[in-house]
Amino acid sequence: MIWAYPDGKLIFWLAIIFALLYAVYLYRFYLINKRLKVKKTRLFLKMTLRISYFILFLIALSGPSVGTSLKEVKEEGKDIFFVVDLSQSMNATDIGPTRLQRVKFELKNMAKQFAGDRLGLIIFSSEAFIQCPLTFDQNVINLHIDGLNTSLVPNQGTDLLAPLQLAKDKFTSDERPEINSKSIILISDGEDFGENFRSIIGELNDKGIKIFSLGIGTTQGSTIPRGNSLIIDPKTNQPAITRLEASNLKYLAAQTEGGYFELSDENQEIPDLIAAIERQEGAVTGSRMVEASANKYFYFLLVALGLAMIDMILPLRTINL
């Protein structure tokens, strides 16, 4: 027999509580027995009845599984592109150890949650590149995530139109008819996007591509390390301060019916992002039959309820009057 919910501690403590309460019940009858004549045989029957259905309740709670049955497991698939901003501001330290290092850590955790989906990786700053095409291979995507750094792309500003265009084109050229869930997870601090990215929103909506934005950083911001020094703002000749600018990220998410989330030392909304992606309806890409144990808790529960009803409806008289 296999137990579906083998919580030994819970069962133990429930048994202890029942034993203590029933001991109080029996002690009460012991005190009554000093003054009245108690029918010990009937008392024994009542005690046996109650112990029996309590044990059956515990067995039902543990989920006894006897034998096996075949169960069809359907596999749903989604196509997801991680679009990661690699501008110099991603080296800022307002999120420890740096924004980019934290992103790499969270990306690998997210990839595990989407093990049954095709994942791809696009990097961008002033230009955009497909770092990893859509793939089911978790090892490949993790290898590319490990290699992310701000020197992989030119850094003369931030052009968001290019990575969104790349993602759209790749979704279109590599489109699988059965896949109806195509998502972009845009990871950026939101600075210096300009306005030209707005022109592609209509095309994304036509293709059913949703953008889920993940804002990285804090509104207080921080300086940007460069080697042993800091990046200097040429306008003020002071260390440049980078801050999270969420307005464009929220706009993109709203216009494509996606969602906006934040990641900082104070806001940890990665689980909400994963849940939002999982709610997207994926297509059934396959199915398989697996053997599953058949939970028979209902029979034990039914018998226990029957004995409990007998105990309540037909009480046994234990005292001679």
C-alpha atoms as a PDB file:
ATOM      1  CA  MET A   1       0.000   0.000   0.000  1.00  0.00           C
ATOM      2  CA  ILE A   2       1.235   3.487  -0.920  1.00  0.00           C
ATOM      3  CA  TRP A   3       0.356   6.555   1.145  1.00  0.00           C
ATOM      4  CA  ALA A   4      -0.398   9.710  -0.837  1.00  0.00           C
ATOM      5  CA  TYR A   5       0.064  12.038   2.158  1.00  0.00           C
ATOM      6  CA  PRO A   6       2.510  10.340   4.532  1.00  0.00           C
ATOM      7  CA  ASP A   7       2.607  13.155   7.079  1.00  0.00           C
ATOM      8  CA  GLY A   8       3.701  11.114  10.088  1.00  0.00           C
ATOM      9  CA  LYS A   9       3.912  14.072  12.458  1.00  0.00           C
ATOM     10  CA  LEU A  10       0.337  15.172  11.778  1.00  0.00           C
ATOM     11  CA  ILE A  11      -1.010  11.652  12.251  1.00  0.00           C
ATOM     12  CA  PHE A  12       1.026  11.261  15.446  1.00  0.00           C
ATOM     13  CA  TRP A  13      -0.244  14.482  17.005  1.00  0.00           C
ATOM     14  CA  LEU A  14      -3.846  13.786  16.038  1.00  0.00           C
ATOM     15  CA  ALA A  15      -3.556  10.368  17.698  1.00  0.00           C
ATOM     16  CA  ILE A  16      -2.049  11.947  20.831  1.00  0.00           C
ATOM     17  CA  ILE A  17      -4.825  14.559  21.038  1.00  0.00           C
ATOM     18  CA  PHE A  18      -7.503  11.876  20.608  1.00  0.00           C
ATOM     19  CA  ALA A  19      -5.852   9.678  23.255  1.00  0.00           C
ATOM     20  CA  LEU A  20      -5.695  12.547  25.757  1.00  0.00           C
ATOM     21  CA  LEU A  21      -9.302  13.580  25.193  1.00  0.00           C
ATOM     22  CA  TYR A  22     -10.509   9.999  25.418  1.00  0.00           C
ATOM     23  CA  ALA A  23      -8.476   9.478  28.583  1.00  0.00           C
ATOM     24  CA  VAL A  24     -10.358  12.437  30.114  1.00  0.00           C
ATOM     25  CA  TYR A  25     -13.622  10.813  28.958  1.00  0.00           C
ATOM     26  CA  LEU A  26     -12.724   7.472  30.575  1.00  0.00           C
ATOM     27  CA  TYR A  27     -11.568   9.172  33.784  1.00  0.00           C
ATOM     28  CA  ARG A  28     -14.973  10.833  33.986  1.00  0.00           C
ATOM     29  CA  PHE A  29     -16.634   7.434  33.812  1.00  0.00           C
ATOM     30  CA  TYR A  30     -14.229   6.156  36.462  1.00  0.00           C
ATOM     31  CA  LEU A  31     -15.426   8.876  38.804  1.00  0.00           C
ATOM     32  CA  ILE A  32     -19.043   8.094  37.957  1.00  0.00           C
ATOM     33  CA  ASN A  33     -18.368   4.389  38.614  1.00  0.00           C
ATOM     34  CA  LYS A  34     -17.572   5.212  42.234  1.00  0.00           C
ATOM     35  CA  ARG A  35     -21.176   6.278  42.758  1.00  0.00           C
ATOM     36  CA  LEU A  36     -23.119   4.488  40.045  1.00  0.00           C
ATOM     37  CA  LYS A  37     -22.934   1.063  38.526  1.00  0.00           C
ATOM     38  CA  VAL A  38     -21.364   1.360  35.070  1.00  0.00           C
ATOM     39  CA  LYS A  39     -21.936  -1.345  32.453  1.00  0.00           C
ATOM     40  CA  LYS A  40     -18.346  -2.081  31.578  1.00  0.00           C
ATOM     41  CA  THR A  41     -19.185  -4.287  28.581  1.00  0.00           C
ATOM     42  CA  ARG A  42     -21.194  -1.539  26.905  1.00  0.00           C
ATOM     43  CA  LEU A  43     -18.542   1.007  27.806  1.00  0.00           C
ATOM     44  CA  PHE A  44     -15.973  -1.223  26.120  1.00  0.00           C
ATOM     45  CA  LEU A  45     -18.166  -1.477  22.988  1.00  0.00           C
ATOM     46  CA  LYS A  46     -18.575   2.308  22.837  1.00  0.00           C
ATOM     47  CA  MET A  47     -14.828   2.803  23.260  1.00  0.00           C
ATOM     48  CA  THR A  48     -14.063   0.215  20.545  1.00  0.00           C
ATOM     49  CA  LEU A  49     -16.527   1.890  18.158  1.00  0.00           C
ATOM     50  CA  ARG A  50     -15.030   5.342  18.606  1.00  0.00           C
ATOM     51  CA  ILE A  51     -11.433   4.196  18.388  1.00  0.00           C
ATOM     52  CA  SER A  52     -12.272   2.252  15.229  1.00  0.00           C
ATOM     53  CA  TYR A  53     -13.746   5.161  13.292  1.00  0.00           C
ATOM     54  CA  PHE A  54     -11.033   7.537  14.491  1.00  0.00           C
ATOM     55  CA  ILE A  55      -8.375   5.139  13.161  1.00  0.00           C
ATOM     56  CA  LEU A  56     -10.287   4.926   9.873  1.00  0.00           C
ATOM     57  CA  PHE A  57     -10.344   8.733   9.687  1.00  0.00           C
ATOM     58  CA  LEU A  58      -6.547   8.776  10.131  1.00  0.00           C
ATOM     59  CA  ILE A  59      -6.112   6.164   7.397  1.00  0.00           C
ATOM     60  CA  ALA A  60      -8.327   8.170   5.027  1.00  0.00           C
ATOM     61  CA  LEU A  61      -6.345  11.327   5.840  1.00  0.00           C
ATOM     62  CA  SER A  62      -3.126   9.543   4.848  1.00  0.00           C
ATOM     63  CA  GLY A  63      -4.503   8.765   1.390  1.00  0.00           C
ATOM     64  CA  PRO A  64      -4.096   4.975   1.067  1.00  0.00           C
ATOM     65  CA  SER A  65      -3.395   3.983  -2.539  1.00  0.00           C
ATOM     66  CA  VAL A  66      -3.924   0.394  -3.627  1.00  0.00           C
ATOM     67  CA  GLY A  67      -3.052  -0.771  -7.132  1.00  0.00           C
ATOM     68  CA  THR A  68      -2.404   1.472 -10.133  1.00  0.00           C
ATOM     69  CA  SER A  69      -4.366   3.086 -12.921  1.00  0.00           C
ATOM     70  CA  LEU A  70      -3.363   4.630 -16.258  1.00  0.00           C
ATOM     71  CA  LYS A  71      -3.601   8.410 -16.478  1.00  0.00           C
ATOM     72  CA  GLU A  72      -3.146  10.596 -19.559  1.00  0.00           C
ATOM     73  CA  VAL A  73      -0.716  13.468 -19.046  1.00  0.00           C
ATOM     74  CA  LYS A  74      -0.978  16.251 -21.624  1.00  0.00           C
ATOM     75  CA  GLU A  75       2.109  18.314 -22.420  1.00  0.00           C
ATOM     76  CA  GLU A  76       1.515  21.985 -23.163  1.00  0.00           C
ATOM     77  CA  GLY A  77       4.069  24.136 -24.919  1.00  0.00           C
ATOM     78  CA  LYS A  78       4.784  27.868 -25.053  1.00  0.00           C
ATOM     79  CA  ASP A  79       7.405  29.919 -26.881  1.00  0.00           C
ATOM     80  CA  ILE A  80       9.194  32.454 -24.678  1.00  0.00           C
ATOM     81  CA  PHE A  81      11.985  34.905 -25.485  1.00  0.00           C
ATOM     82  CA  PHE A  82      14.048  36.394 -22.668  1.00  0.00           C
ATOM     83  CA  VAL A  83      15.006  39.891 -23.899  1.00  0.00           C
ATOM     84  CA  VAL A  84      17.791  41.209 -21.652  1.00  0.00           C
ATOM     85  CA  ASP A  85      19.097  44.773 -21.496  1.00  0.00           C
ATOM     86  CA  LEU A  86      22.928  44.747 -21.399  1.00  0.00           C
ATOM     87  CA  SER A  87      23.532  48.493 -21.250  1.00  0.00           C
ATOM     88  CA  GLN A  88      26.183  49.751 -18.818  1.00  0.00           C
ATOM     89  CA  SER A  89      23.508  50.690 -16.286  1.00  0.00           C
ATOM     90  CA  MET A  90      22.927  46.964 -15.672  1.00  0.00           C
ATOM     91  CA  ASN A  91      26.242  46.966 -13.763  1.00  0.00           C
ATOM     92  CA  ALA A  92      24.724  49.232 -11.104  1.00  0.00           C
ATOM     93  CA  THR A  93      24.834  47.948  -7.538  1.00  0.00           C
ATOM     94  CA  ASP A  94      21.483  49.126  -6.162  1.00  0.00           C
ATOM     95  CA  ILE A  95      20.598  45.417  -6.340  1.00  0.00           C
ATOM     96  CA  GLY A  96      23.270  43.152  -4.921  1.00  0.00           C
ATOM     97  CA  PRO A  97      25.724  42.112  -6.136  1.00  0.00           C
ATOM     98  CA  THR A  98      24.814  43.943  -9.386  1.00  0.00           C
ATOM     99  CA  ARG A  99      21.658  44.221 -11.441  1.00  0.00           C
ATOM    100  CA  LEU A 100      23.017  41.922 -14.132  1.00  0.00           C
ATOM    101  CA  GLN A 101      24.346  39.274 -11.738  1.00  0.00           C
ATOM    102  CA  ARG A 102      20.960  39.156 -10.023  1.00  0.00           C
ATOM    103  CA  VAL A 103      19.218  38.880 -13.404  1.00  0.00           C
ATOM    104  CA  LYS A 104      21.414  35.927 -14.389  1.00  0.00           C
ATOM    105  CA  PHE A 105      20.579  34.128 -11.156  1.00  0.00           C
ATOM    106  CA  GLU A 106      16.829  34.713 -11.557  1.00  0.00           C
ATOM    107  CA  LEU A 107      16.873  33.785 -15.255  1.00  0.00           C
ATOM    108  CA  LYS A 108      18.282  30.339 -14.507  1.00  0.00           C
ATOM    109  CA  ASN A 109      15.607  29.778 -11.885  1.00  0.00           C
ATOM    110  CA  MET A 110      12.892  30.897 -14.308  1.00  0.00           C
ATOM    111  CA  ALA A 111      14.223  28.595 -17.013  1.00  0.00           C
ATOM    112  CA  LYS A 112      13.689  25.643 -14.654  1.00  0.00           C
ATOM    113  CA  GLN A 113      10.034  26.626 -14.239  1.00  0.00           C
ATOM    114  CA  PHE A 114       9.535  26.577 -18.019  1.00  0.00           C
ATOM    115  CA  ALA A 115      11.209  23.224 -18.654  1.00  0.00           C
ATOM    116  CA  GLY A 116       8.466  22.105 -21.043  1.00  0.00           C
ATOM    117  CA  ASP A 117       8.570  25.274 -23.161  1.00  0.00           C
ATOM    118  CA  ARG A 118      10.858  26.553 -25.896  1.00  0.00           C
ATOM    119  CA  LEU A 119      13.078  29.340 -24.555  1.00  0.00           C
ATOM    120  CA  GLY A 120      15.232  31.832 -26.429  1.00  0.00           C
ATOM    121  CA  LEU A 121      17.564  34.664 -25.450  1.00  0.00           C
ATOM    122  CA  ILE A 122      17.945  38.096 -27.079  1.00  0.00           C
ATOM    123  CA  ILE A 123      20.428  40.688 -25.805  1.00  0.00           C
ATOM    124  CA  PHE A 124      20.378  44.394 -26.598  1.00  0.00           C
ATOM    125  CA  SER A 125      21.625  47.875 -25.891  1.00  0.00           C
ATOM    126  CA  SER A 126      22.167  50.189 -28.872  1.00  0.00           C
ATOM    127  CA  GLU A 127      22.011  47.032 -31.045  1.00  0.00           C
ATOM    128  CA  ALA A 128      20.293  43.668 -30.585  1.00  0.00           C
ATOM    129  CA  PHE A 129      21.394  40.080 -31.190  1.00  0.00           C
ATOM    130  CA  ILE A 130      19.834  36.638 -30.857  1.00  0.00           C
ATOM    131  CA  GLN A 131      22.124  35.022 -28.323  1.00  0.00           C
ATOM    132  CA  CYS A 132      20.190  31.746 -28.269  1.00  0.00           C
ATOM    133  CA  PRO A 133      17.359  30.724 -30.638  1.00  0.00           C
ATOM    134  CA  LEU A 134      14.240  29.034 -29.293  1.00  0.00           C
ATOM    135  CA  THR A 135      15.170  25.655 -27.830  1.00  0.00           C
ATOM    136  CA  PHE A 136      13.944  22.995 -25.422  1.00  0.00           C
ATOM    137  CA  ASP A 137      17.538  22.373 -24.266  1.00  0.00           C
ATOM    138  CA  GLN A 138      17.905  23.747 -20.733  1.00  0.00           C
ATOM    139  CA  ASN A 139      21.666  23.230 -20.732  1.00  0.00           C
ATOM    140  CA  VAL A 140      22.100  25.415 -23.814  1.00  0.00           C
ATOM    141  CA  ILE A 141      19.976  28.268 -22.481  1.00  0.00           C
ATOM    142  CA  ASN A 142      21.768  28.141 -19.098  1.00  0.00           C
ATOM    143  CA  LEU A 143      25.162  28.237 -20.833  1.00  0.00           C
ATOM    144  CA  HIS A 144      24.196  31.438 -22.642  1.00  0.00           C
ATOM    145  CA  ILE A 145      22.771  32.963 -19.460  1.00  0.00           C
ATOM    146  CA  ASP A 146      26.062  32.306 -17.648  1.00  0.00           C
ATOM    147  CA  GLY A 147      27.927  34.203 -20.370  1.00  0.00           C
ATOM    148  CA  LEU A 148      25.881  37.411 -20.186  1.00  0.00           C
ATOM    149  CA  ASN A 149      27.905  40.607 -19.666  1.00  0.00           C
ATOM    150  CA  THR A 150      27.663  44.225 -20.778  1.00  0.00           C
ATOM    151  CA  SER A 151      30.616  43.916 -23.192  1.00  0.00           C
ATOM    152  CA  LEU A 152      28.640  41.634 -25.538  1.00  0.00           C
ATOM    153  CA  VAL A 153      26.819  44.533 -27.212  1.00  0.00           C
ATOM    154  CA  PRO A 154      27.721  48.120 -28.243  1.00  0.00           C
ATOM    155  CA  ASN A 155      26.713  50.655 -25.594  1.00  0.00           C
ATOM    156  CA  GLN A 156      25.873  53.936 -27.301  1.00  0.00           C
ATOM    157  CA  GLY A 157      22.378  54.235 -25.887  1.00  0.00           C
ATOM    158  CA  THR A 158      19.426  51.855 -25.665  1.00  0.00           C
ATOM    159  CA  ASP A 159      17.309  50.928 -28.665  1.00  0.00           C
ATOM    160  CA  LEU A 160      14.311  48.814 -27.682  1.00  0.00           C
ATOM    161  CA  LEU A 161      12.798  48.575 -31.155  1.00  0.00           C
ATOM    162  CA  ALA A 162      15.578  46.267 -32.422  1.00  0.00           C
ATOM    163  CA  PRO A 163      15.124  43.402 -29.892  1.00  0.00           C
ATOM    164  CA  LEU A 164      11.326  43.523 -30.155  1.00  0.00           C
ATOM    165  CA  GLN A 165      11.603  43.367 -33.956  1.00  0.00           C
ATOM    166  CA  LEU A 166      14.006  40.424 -33.682  1.00  0.00           C
ATOM    167  CA  ALA A 167      11.659  38.541 -31.388  1.00  0.00           C
ATOM    168  CA  LYS A 168       8.647  39.185 -33.623  1.00  0.00           C
ATOM    169  CA  ASP A 169      10.512  38.096 -36.750  1.00  0.00           C
ATOM    170  CA  LYS A 170      11.777  34.943 -35.065  1.00  0.00           C
ATOM    171  CA  PHE A 171       8.326  34.050 -33.761  1.00  0.00           C
ATOM    172  CA  THR A 172       6.936  34.575 -37.278  1.00  0.00           C
ATOM    173  CA  SER A 173       9.603  32.676 -39.239  1.00  0.00           C
ATOM    174  CA  ASP A 174       9.801  29.817 -36.728  1.00  0.00           C
ATOM    175  CA  GLU A 175       6.076  29.710 -36.032  1.00  0.00           C
ATOM    176  CA  ARG A 176       4.572  26.371 -35.082  1.00  0.00           C
ATOM    177  CA  PRO A 177       0.859  26.265 -35.928  1.00  0.00           C
ATOM    178  CA  GLU A 178      -0.012  24.435 -32.727  1.00  0.00           C
ATOM    179  CA  ILE A 179       1.630  27.039 -30.479  1.00  0.00           C
ATOM    180  CA  ASN A 180      -0.767  29.841 -29.548  1.00  0.00           C
ATOM    181  CA  SER A 181       1.228  31.300 -26.654  1.00  0.00           C
ATOM    182  CA  LYS A 182       4.127  33.554 -27.600  1.00  0.00           C
ATOM    183  CA  SER A 183       5.610  35.755 -24.893  1.00  0.00           C
ATOM    184  CA  ILE A 184       8.496  38.174 -24.452  1.00  0.00           C
ATOM    185  CA  ILE A 185       9.978  38.616 -20.988  1.00  0.00           C
ATOM    186  CA  LEU A 186      11.621  42.046 -21.248  1.00  0.00           C
ATOM    187  CA  ILE A 187      14.245  42.597 -18.534  1.00  0.00           C
ATOM    188  CA  SER A 188      15.559  46.144 -18.201  1.00  0.00           C
ATOM    189  CA  ASP A 189      15.907  49.181 -15.952  1.00  0.00           C
ATOM    190  CA  GLY A 190      13.794  51.116 -18.473  1.00  0.00           C
ATOM    191  CA  GLU A 191      16.210  53.985 -19.138  1.00  0.00           C
ATOM    192  CA  ASP A 192      16.746  55.736 -22.497  1.00  0.00           C
ATOM    193  CA  PHE A 193      14.241  53.796 -24.596  1.00  0.00           C
ATOM    194  CA  GLY A 194      13.291  56.735 -26.770  1.00  0.00           C
ATOM    195  CA  GLU A 195       9.943  56.666 -28.586  1.00  0.00           C
ATOM    196  CA  ASN A 196      10.525  54.573 -31.733  1.00  0.00           C
ATOM    197  CA  PHE A 197       9.629  51.287 -30.016  1.00  0.00           C
ATOM    198  CA  ARG A 198       5.945  52.283 -29.957  1.00  0.00           C
ATOM    199  CA  SER A 199       5.639  51.654 -33.687  1.00  0.00           C
ATOM    200  CA  ILE A 200       5.934  47.875 -33.279  1.00  0.00           C
ATOM    201  CA  ILE A 201       3.183  47.450 -30.683  1.00  0.00           C
ATOM    202  CA  GLY A 202       0.468  46.983 -33.311  1.00  0.00           C
ATOM    203  CA  GLU A 203       2.482  44.251 -35.059  1.00  0.00           C
ATOM    204  CA  LEU A 204       3.043  42.424 -31.769  1.00  0.00           C
ATOM    205  CA  ASN A 205      -0.671  42.500 -31.025  1.00  0.00           C
ATOM    206  CA  ASP A 206      -1.488  41.211 -34.520  1.00  0.00           C
ATOM    207  CA  LYS A 207       0.756  38.197 -33.871  1.00  0.00           C
ATOM    208  CA  GLY A 208      -0.634  37.629 -30.359  1.00  0.00           C
ATOM    209  CA  ILE A 209       2.751  38.313 -28.744  1.00  0.00           C
ATOM    210  CA  LYS A 210       2.529  39.515 -25.141  1.00  0.00           C
ATOM    211  CA  ILE A 211       5.251  41.453 -23.313  1.00  0.00           C
ATOM    212  CA  PHE A 212       5.889  40.752 -19.638  1.00  0.00           C
ATOM    213  CA  SER A 213       8.197  43.490 -18.369  1.00  0.00           C
ATOM    214  CA  LEU A 214      10.541  42.958 -15.442  1.00  0.00           C
ATOM    215  CA  GLY A 215      11.868  46.236 -14.052  1.00  0.00           C
ATOM    216  CA  ILE A 216      15.344  45.941 -12.532  1.00  0.00           C
ATOM    217  CA  GLY A 217      16.631  48.505 -10.051  1.00  0.00           C
ATOM    218  CA  THR A 218      15.373  50.993  -7.510  1.00  0.00           C
ATOM    219  CA  THR A 219      13.945  54.503  -7.736  1.00  0.00           C
ATOM    220  CA  GLN A 220      16.802  55.729  -5.496  1.00  0.00           C
ATOM    221  CA  GLY A 221      19.307  54.345  -8.002  1.00  0.00           C
ATOM    222  CA  SER A 222      23.083  54.075  -7.699  1.00  0.00           C
ATOM    223  CA  THR A 223      26.339  54.849  -9.443  1.00  0.00           C
ATOM    224  CA  ILE A 224      27.657  52.630 -12.246  1.00  0.00           C
ATOM    225  CA  PRO A 225      31.031  50.931 -11.742  1.00  0.00           C
ATOM    226  CA  ARG A 226      33.547  50.806 -14.597  1.00  0.00           C
ATOM    227  CA  GLY A 227      36.687  48.948 -13.624  1.00  0.00           C
ATOM    228  CA  ASN A 228      38.090  50.644 -10.507  1.00  0.00           C
ATOM    229  CA  SER A 229      36.222  53.889 -11.130  1.00  0.00           C
ATOM    230  CA  LEU A 230      32.695  55.097 -11.923  1.00  0.00           C
ATOM    231  CA  ILE A 231      30.956  56.183 -15.110  1.00  0.00           C
ATOM    232  CA  ILE A 232      30.868  59.994 -15.241  1.00  0.00           C
ATOM    233  CA  ASP A 233      27.897  61.978 -16.522  1.00  0.00           C
ATOM    234  CA  PRO A 234      29.393  64.351 -19.153  1.00  0.00           C
ATOM    235  CA  LYS A 235      26.660  66.942 -18.535  1.00  0.00           C
ATOM    236  CA  THR A 236      27.442  67.378 -14.823  1.00  0.00           C
ATOM    237  CA  ASN A 237      30.966  65.950 -14.660  1.00  0.00           C
ATOM    238  CA  GLN A 238      29.727  63.951 -11.668  1.00  0.00           C
ATOM    239  CA  PRO A 239      29.263  60.177 -11.243  1.00  0.00           C
ATOM    240  CA  ALA A 240      26.225  59.107 -13.283  1.00  0.00           C
ATOM    241  CA  ILE A 241      23.210  57.849 -11.325  1.00  0.00           C
ATOM    242  CA  THR A 242      20.971  55.215 -12.868  1.00  0.00           C
ATOM    243  CA  ARG A 243      17.422  54.691 -11.623  1.00  0.00           C
ATOM    244  CA  LEU A 244      14.572  52.374 -12.469  1.00  0.00           C
ATOM    245  CA  GLU A 245      12.294  54.052 -15.033  1.00  0.00           C
ATOM    246  CA  ALA A 246       9.155  51.958 -15.064  1.00  0.00           C
ATOM    247  CA  SER A 247       6.832  54.056 -17.245  1.00  0.00           C
ATOM    248  CA  ASN A 248       7.819  52.597 -20.646  1.00  0.00           C
ATOM    249  CA  LEU A 249       7.986  49.070 -19.267  1.00  0.00           C
ATOM    250  CA  LYS A 250       4.475  49.414 -17.867  1.00  0.00           C
ATOM    251  CA  TYR A 251       3.245  50.937 -21.136  1.00  0.00           C
ATOM    252  CA  LEU A 252       4.549  48.025 -23.227  1.00  0.00           C
ATOM    253  CA  ALA A 253       3.025  45.452 -20.872  1.00  0.00           C
ATOM    254  CA  ALA A 254      -0.347  47.198 -20.845  1.00  0.00           C
ATOM    255  CA  GLN A 255      -0.507  47.674 -24.632  1.00  0.00           C
ATOM    256  CA  THR A 256       0.187  43.979 -25.322  1.00  0.00           C
ATOM    257  CA  GLU A 257      -2.015  42.625 -22.494  1.00  0.00           C
ATOM    258  CA  GLY A 258       1.007  41.310 -20.630  1.00  0.00           C
ATOM    259  CA  GLY A 259       2.108  42.387 -17.157  1.00  0.00           C
ATOM    260  CA  TYR A 260       4.654  44.514 -15.319  1.00  0.00           C
ATOM    261  CA  PHE A 261       6.762  43.209 -12.418  1.00  0.00           C
ATOM    262  CA  GLU A 262       9.744  44.452 -10.429  1.00  0.00           C
ATOM    263  CA  LEU A 263      12.883  42.921  -9.011  1.00  0.00           C
ATOM    264  CA  SER A 264      14.921  44.599  -6.293  1.00  0.00           C
ATOM    265  CA  ASP A 265      16.065  43.850  -2.778  1.00  0.00           C
ATOM    266  CA  GLU A 266      12.654  45.135  -1.596  1.00  0.00           C
ATOM    267  CA  ASN A 267      10.364  43.844  -4.367  1.00  0.00           C
ATOM    268  CA  GLN A 268      10.519  40.158  -5.259  1.00  0.00           C
ATOM    269  CA  GLU A 269       7.867  39.681  -7.943  1.00  0.00           C
ATOM    270  CA  ILE A 270       9.480  36.848  -9.909  1.00  0.00           C
ATOM    271  CA  PRO A 271       6.903  34.293  -8.613  1.00  0.00           C
ATOM    272  CA  ASP A 272       4.100  36.581  -9.850  1.00  0.00           C
ATOM    273  CA  LEU A 273       5.783  36.804 -13.268  1.00  0.00           C
ATOM    274  CA  ILE A 274       6.105  33.019 -13.499  1.00  0.00           C
ATOM    275  CA  ALA A 275       2.459  32.586 -12.499  1.00  0.00           C
ATOM    276  CA  ALA A 276       1.359  35.107 -15.152  1.00  0.00           C
ATOM    277  CA  ILE A 277       3.273  33.230 -17.874  1.00  0.00           C
ATOM    278  CA  GLU A 278       1.884  29.892 -16.724  1.00  0.00           C
ATOM    279  CA  ARG A 279      -1.660  31.257 -16.976  1.00  0.00           C
ATOM    280  CA  GLN A 280      -1.152  31.789 -20.703  1.00  0.00           C
ATOM    281  CA  GLU A 281      -2.919  29.067 -22.626  1.00  0.00           C
ATOM    282  CA  GLY A 282      -0.366  26.814 -24.264  1.00  0.00           C
ATOM    283  CA  ALA A 283      -1.077  24.331 -27.027  1.00  0.00           C
ATOM    284  CA  VAL A 284      -1.096  20.587 -26.405  1.00  0.00           C
ATOM    285  CA  THR A 285       2.118  19.407 -28.053  1.00  0.00           C
ATOM    286  CA  GLY A 286       1.808  15.774 -26.978  1.00  0.00           C
ATOM    287  CA  SER A 287       0.418  13.362 -24.444  1.00  0.00           C
ATOM    288  CA  ARG A 288       1.550  10.204 -22.714  1.00  0.00           C
ATOM    289  CA  MET A 289       0.045   7.565 -20.453  1.00  0.00           C
ATOM    290  CA  VAL A 290       1.580   7.128 -17.016  1.00  0.00           C
ATOM    291  CA  GLU A 291       0.832   4.712 -14.198  1.00  0.00           C
ATOM    292  CA  ALA A 292      -0.613   6.450 -11.183  1.00  0.00           C
ATOM    293  CA  SER A 293      -1.506   4.934  -7.844  1.00  0.00           C
ATOM    294  CA  ALA A 294      -5.252   4.835  -7.160  1.00  0.00           C
ATOM    295  CA  ASN A 295      -6.147   6.699  -3.961  1.00  0.00           C
ATOM    296  CA  LYS A 296      -8.753   4.655  -2.048  1.00  0.00           C
ATOM    297  CA  TYR A 297      -9.252   7.061   0.857  1.00  0.00           C
ATOM    298  CA  PHE A 298     -12.985   7.338   0.081  1.00  0.00           C
ATOM    299  CA  TYR A 299     -13.790   3.787   1.232  1.00  0.00           C
ATOM    300  CA  PHE A 300     -12.107   4.271   4.612  1.00  0.00           C
ATOM    301  CA  LEU A 301     -13.791   7.644   5.002  1.00  0.00           C
ATOM    302  CA  LEU A 302     -17.194   6.187   4.149  1.00  0.00           C
ATOM    303  CA  VAL A 303     -16.893   3.402   6.735  1.00  0.00           C
ATOM    304  CA  ALA A 304     -15.623   5.873   9.367  1.00  0.00           C
ATOM    305  CA  LEU A 305     -18.569   8.205   8.731  1.00  0.00           C
ATOM    306  CA  GLY A 306     -20.955   5.239   8.966  1.00  0.00           C
ATOM    307  CA  LEU A 307     -19.568   4.206  12.361  1.00  0.00           C
ATOM    308  CA  ALA A 308     -19.675   7.802  13.570  1.00  0.00           C
ATOM    309  CA  MET A 309     -23.342   8.073  12.549  1.00  0.00           C
ATOM    310  CA  ILE A 310     -24.101   4.852  14.430  1.00  0.00           C
ATOM    311  CA  ASP A 311     -22.334   6.274  17.485  1.00  0.00           C
ATOM    312  CA  MET A 312     -24.457   9.462  17.346  1.00  0.00           C
ATOM    313  CA  ILE A 313     -27.828   7.977  16.370  1.00  0.00           C
ATOM    314  CA  LEU A 314     -27.742   4.813  18.472  1.00  0.00           C
ATOM    315  CA  PRO A 315     -25.934   5.685  21.688  1.00  0.00           C
ATOM    316  CA  LEU A 316     -25.205   2.753  23.987  1.00  0.00           C
ATOM    317  CA  ARG A 317     -26.474   3.173  27.519  1.00  0.00           C
ATOM    318  CA  THR A 318     -23.572   2.605  29.884  1.00  0.00           C
ATOM    319  CA  ILE A 319     -25.190   3.431  33.271  1.00  0.00           C
ATOM    320  CA  ASN A 320     -27.872   1.455  35.128  1.00  0.00           C
ATOM    321  CA  LEU A 321     -30.639   3.685  36.441  1.00  0.00           C
END
